[in-house]
Protein backbone atom coordinates (compact mmCIF):
# COMPACT_ATOMS: atom_id res chain seq x y z
CA MET A 1 56.44 60.83 180.04
CA ILE A 2 55.24 63.08 181.41
CA SER A 3 55.40 61.69 184.85
CA LYS A 4 58.67 60.44 184.39
CA LYS A 5 60.45 64.12 183.79
CA LEU A 6 58.75 65.31 186.99
CA LEU A 7 59.60 62.21 189.07
CA VAL A 8 62.34 62.06 188.29
CA GLY A 9 62.82 65.76 188.38
CA PHE A 10 61.73 65.50 192.54
CA ILE A 11 63.81 63.23 192.97
CA ALA A 12 66.42 65.12 191.65
CA LEU A 13 65.87 67.96 193.72
CA ASN A 14 65.24 65.17 196.55
CA SER A 15 68.00 64.39 196.47
CA ILE A 16 70.01 67.62 196.24
CA ILE A 17 67.76 68.85 199.79
CA GLN A 18 69.06 65.65 201.08
CA LEU A 19 72.49 66.07 200.83
CA SER A 20 72.44 69.75 201.28
CA LEU A 21 71.23 68.66 205.28
CA MET A 22 73.49 66.63 205.35
CA ILE A 23 76.77 69.39 204.47
CA MET A 24 73.89 71.60 207.20
CA LEU A 25 74.39 69.05 209.94
CA TRP A 26 78.00 68.32 209.85
CA ALA A 27 78.88 71.95 209.57
CA ALA A 28 76.50 73.66 211.66
CA LEU A 29 74.88 71.43 213.86
CA PRO A 30 74.34 74.25 216.42
CA ALA A 31 72.48 76.73 214.50
CA VAL A 32 70.51 73.56 212.51
CA LEU A 33 69.24 72.77 216.34
CA THR A 34 68.41 76.30 217.23
CA TYR A 35 66.68 77.47 214.39
CA LEU A 36 64.71 73.88 214.68
CA LYS A 37 64.31 74.91 218.37
CA VAL A 38 66.57 71.72 220.24
CA GLN A 39 68.41 72.24 222.40
CA ASP A 40 72.31 70.87 222.14
CA CYS A 41 72.09 67.57 224.45
CA ASP A 42 73.78 64.05 223.43
CA GLY A 43 70.69 63.63 222.48
CA ALA A 44 70.20 65.94 219.21
CA HIS A 45 74.03 64.55 218.83
CA ILE A 46 72.25 60.97 218.58
CA PHE A 47 69.59 63.12 216.41
CA GLU A 48 72.46 64.35 213.62
CA THR A 49 74.11 60.54 213.62
CA TYR A 50 70.18 58.83 212.46
CA PHE A 51 69.82 61.42 210.28
CA ILE A 52 73.29 62.02 208.57
CA SER A 53 72.54 57.93 207.93
CA ALA A 54 69.53 58.06 207.07
CA ILE A 55 70.32 61.07 204.38
CA MET A 56 73.63 59.39 203.31
CA ILE A 57 71.33 55.94 202.01
CA ILE A 58 68.13 58.47 200.82
CA ALA A 59 70.58 60.94 198.95
CA PRO A 60 72.82 58.51 196.76
CA ALA A 61 69.58 55.87 196.41
CA GLY A 62 67.50 59.24 194.36
CA PHE A 63 70.89 59.37 192.02
CA LEU A 64 71.10 55.97 191.22
CA ALA A 65 67.34 55.35 190.67
CA ILE A 66 66.90 58.81 188.62
CA SER A 67 70.28 57.14 186.80
CA TRP A 68 68.37 53.90 186.12
CA LEU A 69 64.95 55.85 185.70
CA ASN A 70 67.19 57.10 182.49
CA LYS A 71 67.98 53.51 181.42
CA SER A 72 64.36 52.75 181.32
CA LYS A 73 64.82 49.79 183.43
CA ASN A 74 62.52 48.59 186.32
CA GLU A 75 64.91 48.84 189.30
CA GLY A 76 64.48 52.88 188.96
CA ILE A 77 60.34 53.07 189.32
CA VAL A 78 61.31 50.19 192.35
CA LEU A 79 63.85 52.84 193.79
CA ALA A 80 61.28 54.86 193.79
CA ARG A 81 58.70 54.04 195.26
CA PHE A 82 60.78 53.19 197.78
CA ILE A 83 61.96 56.72 198.37
CA GLY A 84 58.31 57.56 198.16
CA ILE A 85 57.08 54.84 200.23
CA THR A 86 59.92 55.61 203.31
CA MET A 87 60.09 59.34 202.96
CA THR A 88 56.73 59.85 203.48
CA ILE A 89 56.26 57.06 206.17
CA ALA A 90 59.11 58.98 208.44
CA ALA A 91 58.26 62.31 207.24
CA ILE A 92 54.26 60.98 209.37
CA ASN A 93 56.70 59.70 211.82
CA VAL A 94 58.05 62.80 213.03
CA GLY A 95 54.93 64.88 212.00
CA CYS A 96 52.80 62.44 215.09
CA SER A 97 55.98 61.81 217.52
CA LEU A 98 57.46 65.09 217.46
CA HIS A 99 54.09 66.36 217.36
CA ARG A 100 55.71 69.01 214.38
CA ILE A 101 54.66 68.97 211.80
CA ASP A 102 56.72 72.03 210.17
CA LEU A 103 59.45 68.95 210.24
CA ALA A 104 57.22 66.76 208.16
CA ALA A 105 56.26 69.03 205.90
CA MET A 106 59.37 69.62 203.97
CA ASP A 107 59.53 66.15 203.45
CA LEU A 108 55.57 65.21 202.52
CA ALA A 109 55.96 67.92 200.16
CA ARG A 110 58.50 66.04 198.67
CA GLY A 111 57.51 61.92 199.13
CA ILE A 112 54.25 62.82 198.24
CA PRO A 113 54.61 63.19 194.55
CA ILE A 114 57.52 60.80 194.26
CA THR A 115 55.28 57.98 194.44
CA ILE A 116 52.44 59.52 193.10
CA PHE A 117 55.15 60.11 190.09
CA ALA A 118 56.81 56.50 191.26
CA PHE A 119 53.61 54.97 190.35
CA MET A 120 52.42 56.20 187.28
CA GLN A 121 55.16 54.60 185.85
CA LYS A 122 54.73 51.11 183.96
CA THR A 123 57.17 48.41 184.48
CA SER A 124 57.50 46.69 181.63
């Protein structure tokens, strides 16, 4: 039971962080690029578009997973596993591709626990 509460907590935290990132990217892309030490160029705007698109999928999926988990639906467990695995793979990809572990660390810190707690849930 505690693992389900932790799973819901990590998914909620992740979805809130994802929505906050989306708002920051829309509202203050230059500040985000400065913080990330990335130059403002066409590639940065491609990054912004891709990143916002990914967030627009993962954040609502998290809230949907929470809803299904609270109703004890197996779909919530499957979606939670998808979110955790996707975030972990994306973080590893960012860390390896960009050689920026600092950018991957936060997603790993959320993705790994979500994955572990999601796989601890029993499907019926």
